[in-house]
Protein backbone atom coordinates (compact mmCIF):
# COMPACT_ATOMS: atom_id res chain seq x y z
CA MET A 1 22.13 -64.63 45.61
CA THR A 2 25.82 -64.38 44.94
CA VAL A 3 26.57 -61.20 43.04
CA ALA A 4 28.62 -62.99 40.41
CA ASN A 5 25.87 -65.51 39.72
CA TYR A 6 23.10 -62.90 39.52
CA ASN A 7 25.21 -60.71 37.24
CA SER A 8 25.92 -63.63 34.92
CA LEU A 9 22.19 -64.42 34.70
CA VAL A 10 21.41 -60.81 33.75
CA GLN A 11 24.15 -60.76 31.12
CA LYS A 12 23.10 -64.12 29.74
CA THR A 13 19.40 -63.43 29.27
CA PHE A 14 19.51 -59.80 28.17
CA CYS A 15 22.70 -59.83 26.10
CA GLU A 16 24.23 -63.20 25.23
CA ASN A 17 20.95 -65.00 24.50
CA ALA A 18 18.83 -62.04 23.42
CA ILE A 19 20.90 -59.99 20.97
CA ARG A 20 21.08 -61.51 17.50
CA SER A 21 20.73 -58.39 15.38
CA VAL A 22 22.15 -54.89 15.76
CA VAL A 23 21.34 -51.71 13.87
CA MET A 24 23.66 -48.69 14.08
CA ILE A 25 22.19 -45.30 13.21
CA ASP A 26 24.35 -42.23 12.66
CA ASP A 27 24.03 -39.57 9.98
CA ASP A 28 27.84 -39.39 9.87
CA PHE A 29 28.00 -42.98 8.59
CA LEU A 30 28.31 -43.82 4.92
CA THR A 31 25.72 -46.46 4.09
CA TYR A 32 26.38 -49.26 1.62
CA SER A 33 24.09 -47.69 -0.96
CA GLU A 34 25.84 -44.32 -0.64
CA SER A 35 29.24 -45.95 -1.09
CA ILE A 36 28.13 -47.82 -4.23
CA ARG A 37 26.59 -44.71 -5.73
CA ALA A 38 29.77 -42.75 -5.02
CA LEU A 39 31.92 -45.45 -6.63
CA ASN A 40 29.67 -45.29 -9.68
CA ASN A 41 30.13 -41.50 -9.74
CA GLU A 42 26.41 -41.01 -9.24
CA VAL A 43 26.98 -38.79 -6.20
CA ASP A 44 29.96 -36.98 -4.69
CA LEU A 45 31.67 -38.82 -1.86
CA ASP A 46 31.44 -36.95 1.45
CA TYR A 47 35.01 -37.27 2.70
CA ASN A 48 34.01 -35.88 6.10
CA LYS A 49 32.06 -39.10 6.69
CA ILE A 50 34.95 -41.43 5.96
CA ASP A 51 36.54 -41.19 9.42
CA SER A 52 33.15 -41.63 11.10
CA SER A 53 32.49 -44.64 8.91
CA LYS A 54 35.67 -46.23 10.23
CA ARG A 55 33.91 -46.31 13.61
CA ALA A 56 30.96 -48.06 11.97
CA ALA A 57 33.29 -50.61 10.39
CA THR A 58 34.94 -51.29 13.75
CA LEU A 59 31.58 -51.79 15.46
CA GLU A 60 30.28 -53.95 12.64
CA SER A 61 33.34 -56.18 12.87
CA PHE A 62 32.92 -56.49 16.65
CA PHE A 63 29.28 -57.58 16.51
CA GLN A 64 29.85 -59.91 13.58
CA SER A 65 32.55 -61.62 15.65
CA LYS A 66 29.73 -62.41 18.10
CA ASN A 67 27.70 -63.92 15.24
CA MET A 68 25.24 -61.04 15.23
CA ILE A 69 23.64 -59.56 12.13
CA CYS A 70 24.70 -55.93 11.91
CA ASP A 71 23.18 -53.16 9.79
CA VAL A 72 24.28 -49.55 9.29
CA ASP A 73 21.83 -46.71 8.68
CA ASN A 74 22.48 -43.00 8.45
CA GLY A 75 18.99 -42.26 9.79
CA SER A 76 18.43 -39.44 7.35
CA VAL A 77 15.69 -41.08 5.30
CA ASN A 78 14.24 -44.26 6.75
CA PHE A 79 14.35 -43.82 10.52
CA ASP A 80 11.19 -45.87 10.93
CA VAL A 81 10.18 -47.09 14.38
CA ASP A 82 8.45 -50.23 13.10
CA ARG A 83 11.63 -51.19 11.27
CA ILE A 84 14.18 -50.53 13.98
CA ARG A 85 12.09 -52.10 16.76
CA LYS A 86 12.74 -55.48 15.09
CA SER A 87 16.44 -55.17 15.94
CA ASP A 88 17.53 -56.66 19.25
CA LEU A 89 19.98 -53.82 19.91
CA ILE A 90 19.81 -50.27 18.57
CA ILE A 91 22.93 -48.11 18.68
CA VAL A 92 22.07 -44.55 17.73
CA ASP A 93 23.87 -41.23 17.74
CA TYR A 94 22.17 -38.68 19.99
CA HIS A 95 22.51 -35.87 17.46
CA LEU A 96 20.97 -36.69 14.09
CA ASP A 97 20.25 -34.04 11.46
CA ASN A 98 22.22 -30.90 12.29
CA ASN A 99 22.98 -31.81 15.90
CA ALA A 100 19.35 -31.82 17.04
CA PRO A 101 18.39 -34.73 19.34
CA ASP A 102 14.69 -34.53 18.40
CA LYS A 103 14.97 -37.22 15.73
CA THR A 104 16.49 -39.64 18.24
CA LEU A 105 14.09 -38.85 21.08
CA LYS A 106 10.84 -39.23 19.14
CA PRO A 107 11.42 -42.94 18.36
CA LEU A 108 12.29 -43.51 22.02
CA GLN A 109 8.87 -42.17 22.99
CA ASP A 110 7.24 -44.62 20.59
CA LEU A 111 9.42 -47.60 21.50
CA LYS A 112 8.63 -47.34 25.22
CA ASP A 113 5.05 -48.35 24.40
CA SER A 114 5.99 -51.37 22.27
CA ASP A 115 5.15 -54.95 23.24
CA HIS A 116 8.66 -56.14 24.07
CA LEU A 117 11.81 -54.75 25.65
CA ASN A 118 13.93 -52.64 23.30
CA MET A 119 17.60 -52.19 24.22
CA ILE A 120 19.17 -48.97 23.02
CA VAL A 121 22.66 -47.52 23.33
CA ILE A 122 22.81 -43.75 22.88
CA TYR A 123 26.33 -42.66 22.03
CA THR A 124 27.36 -39.06 22.03
CA ARG A 125 30.21 -36.64 22.63
CA GLU A 126 27.95 -34.47 24.78
CA ASN A 127 28.06 -34.43 28.57
CA LEU A 128 26.28 -37.59 29.71
CA GLU A 129 24.65 -35.85 32.67
CA THR A 130 22.96 -33.42 30.27
CA VAL A 131 21.89 -36.19 27.91
CA TRP A 132 20.49 -38.32 30.76
CA MET A 133 18.42 -35.41 32.04
CA GLN A 134 17.08 -34.55 28.59
CA ILE A 135 16.13 -38.13 27.73
CA SER A 136 14.56 -38.95 31.10
CA SER A 137 12.58 -35.67 31.17
CA THR A 138 11.34 -36.24 27.63
CA LEU A 139 10.29 -39.82 28.38
CA LYS A 140 8.59 -38.85 31.65
CA GLY A 141 6.58 -36.19 29.85
CA ALA A 142 5.86 -32.74 31.27
CA LEU A 143 2.44 -31.44 32.23
CA ASP A 144 1.01 -28.30 30.63
CA ILE A 145 1.65 -26.03 33.61
CA ASN A 146 -0.14 -22.93 32.31
CA SER A 147 -3.32 -24.86 31.53
CA LEU A 148 -3.28 -26.59 34.90
CA ILE A 149 -2.91 -23.33 36.80
CA ILE A 150 -5.77 -21.77 34.85
CA ASP A 151 -7.95 -24.85 35.35
CA TYR A 152 -7.14 -24.84 39.07
CA ASP A 153 -9.33 -21.73 39.17
CA ASN A 154 -7.92 -20.06 42.26
CA GLU A 155 -6.92 -16.41 42.03
CA ASP A 156 -4.59 -16.55 45.03
CA VAL A 157 -2.74 -19.55 43.58
CA GLN A 158 -2.53 -17.97 40.15
CA SER A 159 -1.24 -14.65 41.52
CA TYR A 160 1.32 -16.39 43.73
CA TRP A 161 2.57 -18.39 40.75
CA GLU A 162 2.77 -15.43 38.36
CA ASP A 163 4.07 -12.80 40.79
CA VAL A 164 6.35 -14.80 43.09
CA VAL A 165 7.16 -18.31 41.90
CA LEU A 166 7.60 -17.92 38.15
CA PRO A 167 9.99 -14.91 38.34
CA ASN A 168 12.04 -16.84 40.89
CA LEU A 169 12.21 -19.89 38.62
CA ASN A 170 13.09 -17.83 35.55
CA ASP A 171 15.98 -16.29 37.48
CA ASN A 172 17.06 -19.74 38.71
CA GLY A 173 16.33 -18.64 42.26
CA ASN A 174 16.00 -20.68 45.42
CA LYS A 175 12.71 -22.22 44.31
CA ALA A 176 14.34 -23.82 41.26
CA LEU A 177 15.07 -27.52 41.71
CA THR A 178 18.68 -28.63 41.82
CA ARG A 179 19.85 -31.42 39.52
CA ASP A 180 19.58 -34.02 42.30
CA GLU A 181 16.10 -32.79 43.25
CA THR A 182 14.98 -32.95 39.62
CA ILE A 183 16.32 -36.51 39.27
CA ALA A 184 14.47 -37.51 42.44
CA TYR A 185 11.19 -36.11 41.10
CA ILE A 186 11.67 -37.73 37.70
CA LYS A 187 12.05 -41.10 39.42
CA ASP A 188 9.49 -40.92 42.25
CA SER A 189 7.11 -38.08 41.21
CA LYS A 190 7.15 -36.69 44.75
CA PRO A 191 7.43 -32.88 45.11
CA CYS A 192 10.56 -31.67 46.88
CA ARG A 193 10.34 -31.12 50.65
CA ARG A 194 12.69 -28.15 50.49
CA ILE A 195 10.35 -26.44 48.03
CA LYS A 196 7.36 -27.18 50.26
CA ARG A 197 9.11 -25.45 53.16
CA LEU A 198 9.87 -22.39 51.02
CA ILE A 199 6.23 -22.16 49.95
CA HIS A 200 5.14 -22.48 53.58
CA ASP A 201 7.61 -19.80 54.69
CA ASP A 202 6.25 -17.35 52.09
CA ALA A 203 2.98 -17.43 54.07
CA VAL A 204 0.94 -16.50 50.99
CA LEU A 205 -1.17 -19.63 50.66
CA GLU A 206 -3.08 -21.08 53.60
CA ASP A 207 -4.64 -24.25 52.21
CA GLN A 208 -2.21 -27.20 52.21
CA LYS A 209 -3.80 -28.45 48.99
CA ASP A 210 -2.81 -25.19 47.27
CA LYS A 211 0.74 -25.44 48.62
CA ASN A 212 1.10 -29.01 47.36
CA PHE A 213 -0.23 -27.98 43.96
CA ILE A 214 2.38 -25.22 43.60
CA ALA A 215 5.14 -27.59 44.75
CA LYS A 216 4.12 -30.03 42.02
CA MET A 217 4.02 -27.26 39.39
CA ILE A 218 7.55 -26.22 40.36
CA ALA A 219 8.73 -29.81 39.89
CA GLU A 220 6.94 -30.06 36.53
CA TYR A 221 8.58 -26.78 35.52
CA ALA A 222 11.99 -28.41 36.09
CA VAL A 223 11.01 -31.40 33.94
CA SER A 224 9.66 -29.21 31.14
CA ARG A 225 12.87 -27.16 31.03
CA ASN A 226 14.90 -30.31 30.42
CA ALA A 227 12.49 -32.07 28.04
CA ILE A 228 13.54 -31.61 24.41
CA ILE A 229 10.22 -32.47 22.75
CA SER A 230 6.66 -32.52 24.01
CA SER A 231 4.85 -35.71 24.91
CA ASN A 232 1.24 -36.84 24.63
CA THR A 233 1.54 -38.44 28.06
CA SER A 234 3.03 -37.35 31.37
CA GLY A 235 4.00 -38.99 34.63
CA ASN A 236 5.57 -42.03 32.97
CA VAL A 237 7.57 -44.14 35.43
CA ILE A 238 11.32 -43.62 35.04
CA ARG A 239 14.07 -45.74 36.56
CA GLY A 240 17.73 -44.91 36.28
CA ASP A 241 21.06 -44.87 38.05
CA GLU A 242 21.42 -42.62 41.06
CA SER A 243 23.86 -40.19 39.47
CA GLY A 244 21.90 -39.95 36.24
CA VAL A 245 24.65 -40.70 33.74
CA LYS A 246 24.46 -44.37 32.75
CA TRP A 247 21.02 -45.78 32.03
CA ILE A 248 17.28 -45.12 31.84
CA GLN A 249 14.40 -47.58 31.88
CA CYS A 250 10.90 -46.46 30.93
CA GLY A 251 8.10 -48.73 29.78
CA ASN A 252 9.61 -51.21 27.36
CA ILE A 253 12.86 -49.46 26.58
CA PHE A 254 16.20 -49.73 28.31
CA VAL A 255 18.62 -46.97 27.34
CA SER A 256 22.33 -47.11 28.09
CA LEU A 257 24.50 -44.03 27.55
CA PHE A 258 27.95 -44.24 26.00
CA HIS A 259 30.44 -41.39 25.65
CA LYS A 260 31.96 -41.25 22.18
CA VAL A 261 35.64 -40.29 22.11
CA GLN A 262 36.61 -38.17 19.11
CA ASP A 263 39.68 -40.00 17.79
CA ASP A 264 39.53 -43.30 19.66
CA HIS A 265 37.18 -45.89 18.24
CA GLU A 266 39.29 -49.05 18.03
CA ASN A 267 37.81 -50.49 21.22
CA ASP A 268 34.33 -48.98 20.93
CA GLY A 269 32.73 -52.39 20.44
CA ASP A 270 34.13 -53.78 23.69
CA ARG A 271 33.34 -50.57 25.57
CA ILE A 272 29.76 -50.36 24.30
CA TRP A 273 29.17 -54.03 25.13
CA GLN A 274 30.62 -53.61 28.62
CA THR A 275 28.64 -50.40 29.22
CA LEU A 276 25.42 -52.14 28.23
CA ASN A 277 26.14 -55.13 30.47
CA ASP A 278 27.10 -52.92 33.43
CA SER A 279 23.94 -50.85 32.99
CA LEU A 280 21.68 -53.90 32.87
CA ILE A 281 23.29 -55.30 36.03
CA GLU A 282 22.82 -51.99 37.83
CA TRP A 283 19.16 -51.97 36.76
CA LYS A 284 18.70 -55.13 38.90
CA PRO A 285 15.81 -56.75 37.01
CA SER A 286 13.58 -58.98 39.12
CA TYR A 287 13.32 -62.76 38.88
CA TYR A 288 10.10 -62.27 36.88
CA GLN A 289 11.85 -60.06 34.32
CA LEU A 290 14.74 -62.52 34.04
CA ILE A 291 12.47 -65.49 33.44
CA LYS A 292 10.21 -63.62 31.01
CA SER A 293 13.26 -62.54 29.02
CA GLU A 294 14.65 -66.07 28.83
CA ILE A 295 11.29 -67.50 27.76
CA GLN A 296 11.22 -64.95 24.96
CA ASN A 297 14.75 -65.96 24.01
CA ALA A 298 13.75 -69.63 23.91
CA ILE A 299 10.76 -68.91 21.70
CA GLU A 300 12.82 -66.88 19.24
CA ALA A 301 15.83 -69.20 19.26
CA GLU A 302 13.94 -72.39 18.48
CA ALA A 303 11.07 -70.91 16.54
CA LEU A 304 9.30 -73.68 18.49
CA SER A 305 7.93 -75.77 15.67
CA PHE A 306 4.61 -77.33 16.49
CA VAL A 307 4.55 -81.12 16.40
CA ASN A 308 1.25 -81.96 18.11
CA HIS A 309 -1.26 -84.35 16.65
CA LEU A 310 -3.31 -81.66 14.94
CA ALA A 311 -0.23 -80.22 13.21
CA ASN A 312 0.25 -83.46 11.25
CA ASP A 313 -3.43 -84.31 10.90
CA HIS A 314 -4.52 -82.55 7.71
CA TYR A 315 -7.94 -84.22 7.91
CA GLY A 316 -8.36 -82.87 11.42
CA GLN A 317 -7.31 -79.40 10.33
CA ALA A 318 -9.79 -79.49 7.46
CA ALA A 319 -12.53 -80.62 9.83
CA TRP A 320 -11.89 -77.79 12.28
CA LEU A 321 -11.71 -75.26 9.45
CA ASN A 322 -15.09 -76.56 8.31
CA GLU A 323 -16.51 -76.24 11.83
CA ILE A 324 -15.25 -72.66 12.16
CA LEU A 325 -16.46 -71.46 8.77
CA LYS A 326 -19.88 -73.13 8.71
CA SER A 327 -21.10 -71.65 11.97
CA ASP A 328 -23.38 -68.61 11.78
CA SER A 329 -23.18 -68.14 15.54
CA PRO A 330 -20.37 -65.78 16.68
CA ASP A 331 -20.23 -67.58 20.04
CA ILE A 332 -19.82 -71.04 18.50
CA ARG A 333 -17.23 -69.75 16.05
CA CYS A 334 -15.26 -68.19 18.91
CA ARG A 335 -15.35 -71.47 20.87
CA ASN A 336 -14.05 -73.39 17.86
CA ILE A 337 -11.29 -70.83 17.30
CA ASP A 338 -10.41 -71.08 21.00
CA PHE A 339 -9.98 -74.83 20.62
CA VAL A 340 -7.44 -74.40 17.82
CA PHE A 341 -5.69 -71.63 19.74
CA GLY A 342 -5.66 -73.73 22.90
CA ASN A 343 -4.16 -76.64 20.98
CA LEU A 344 -1.31 -74.45 19.78
CA SER A 345 -0.85 -72.83 23.21
CA GLU A 346 -0.66 -76.20 24.96
CA GLU A 347 2.03 -77.32 22.53
CA LEU A 348 3.98 -74.12 23.17
CA TYR A 349 3.76 -74.69 26.93
CA GLN A 350 4.92 -78.30 26.61
CA ARG A 351 7.86 -77.31 24.43
CA LEU A 352 8.94 -74.65 26.91
CA LYS A 353 8.48 -76.97 29.89
CA ASN A 354 10.67 -79.61 28.25
CA ASN A 355 13.39 -77.15 27.28
CA ASN A 356 16.27 -78.25 29.54
CA THR A 357 18.30 -75.09 28.99
CA LEU A 358 15.36 -72.89 29.95
CA ASP A 359 14.57 -75.11 32.92
CA GLU A 360 18.14 -74.86 34.22
CA PHE A 361 18.12 -71.08 33.80
CA ILE A 362 14.90 -70.68 35.79
CA LYS A 363 16.24 -72.94 38.56
CA SER A 364 19.45 -70.90 38.65
CA VAL A 365 17.45 -67.70 39.09
CA PHE A 366 15.66 -68.98 42.19
CA ASP A 367 18.80 -70.67 43.52
CA SER A 368 20.58 -67.33 43.37
CA TYR A 369 17.81 -65.70 45.41
CA SER A 370 17.90 -68.55 47.94
CA ASN A 371 21.65 -68.17 48.36
CA GLU A 372 21.41 -64.44 48.85
CA TYR A 373 18.59 -64.75 51.38
CA ALA A 374 20.57 -67.31 53.36
CA ASN A 375 23.50 -64.88 53.59
CA SER A 376 21.48 -61.67 53.96
CA GLY A 377 20.91 -61.74 57.70
CA VAL A 378 17.27 -60.75 57.14
CA ALA A 379 15.13 -62.70 59.60
CA ALA A 380 11.77 -62.45 57.83
CA LEU A 381 11.51 -64.04 54.40
CA LEU A 382 8.61 -61.79 53.39
CA GLN A 383 10.68 -58.74 54.31
CA TYR A 384 13.47 -59.97 52.04
CA CYS A 385 11.04 -60.69 49.18
CA SER A 386 9.49 -57.23 49.54
CA SER A 387 12.91 -55.60 49.34
CA LYS A 388 13.66 -57.48 46.11
CA MET A 389 10.52 -55.96 44.57
CA ASP A 390 11.35 -52.47 45.91
CA LEU A 391 8.31 -52.62 48.20
CA PRO A 392 8.15 -51.09 51.70
CA SER A 393 8.34 -53.56 54.53
CA ASN A 394 8.81 -53.80 58.27
CA ASN A 395 9.34 -56.52 60.83
CA ASP A 396 5.59 -57.15 61.04
CA THR A 397 5.05 -57.84 57.31
């Protein structure tokens, strides 16, 4: 697939066709209601927020120029996940409420488990490497190390951890994971080989199972030190850029990081938009993700009105309602409901199948893969397909 063509497909389905509404959340922004109340002398105007609100005005103007609905929220009162998840793009300051990132990170944990992809831009003046590590560690979720060591029920392991490993980690000694090693563990959940060698060289533990357990606890210790808030789950799959500064994908959230410049906000809209596009391209979503996204776009864009025979047949609708309601048998009622559902589903399928724009997009996706394979020099087609899905392959598969 030509790079330019693939990139344009990613931009089209995840940005151009998908984003229709934007919400910006920053406790330094003046909301419309605050401004009105201040003008009516109901509250004192916070002049410290005026300059920050200029940034909001610039961003609002940028997104409105793209025909997107844009809302501004200071996040101090109604930072509700169910409300913000309905926005196609969420732009949120990393530090809400007295510079603590907790209030930003908690909704991210909830949004990753939602039913559709949520695109989020985190903008901050903090070092992006630090922010990336904190967000990815929080989303991955850290294990309860102390409980696991106790439950492991091995005195030699427990003594080795308490007397040798933990003091070394607390002093940031040679058993502490480096930044690159921590990123690798966050992304692949595999304990570090260097750490395994150090444990082996200590010659305290004999059983390989015990050594592997300690190596995993050391890795989890690194995650827990970077995680800002606790999580009910652990071991969540994290994807992100190699250097850990640009983007994070976990579950159904895609997070792009943007560095906020103190006194330069005139071009923030363009820069945020470009950062988001670049991050999505670097993510390299599969053909399946591209097509699924564009189908979702088609459904939302057209609202896909139903025009099948039952939709216009009020007598038929009344008859099926009668059939459903009169039955005392749960099985018969379910079959009748399935008929109505199937009727609607078939209409949805037909509308999507006859959508020329969607059809052309899907063809373009597979054409781009065909073009890339033809120019890749890879002899085996299955090997190429495996590589596109990040699966291991060899010449025999």
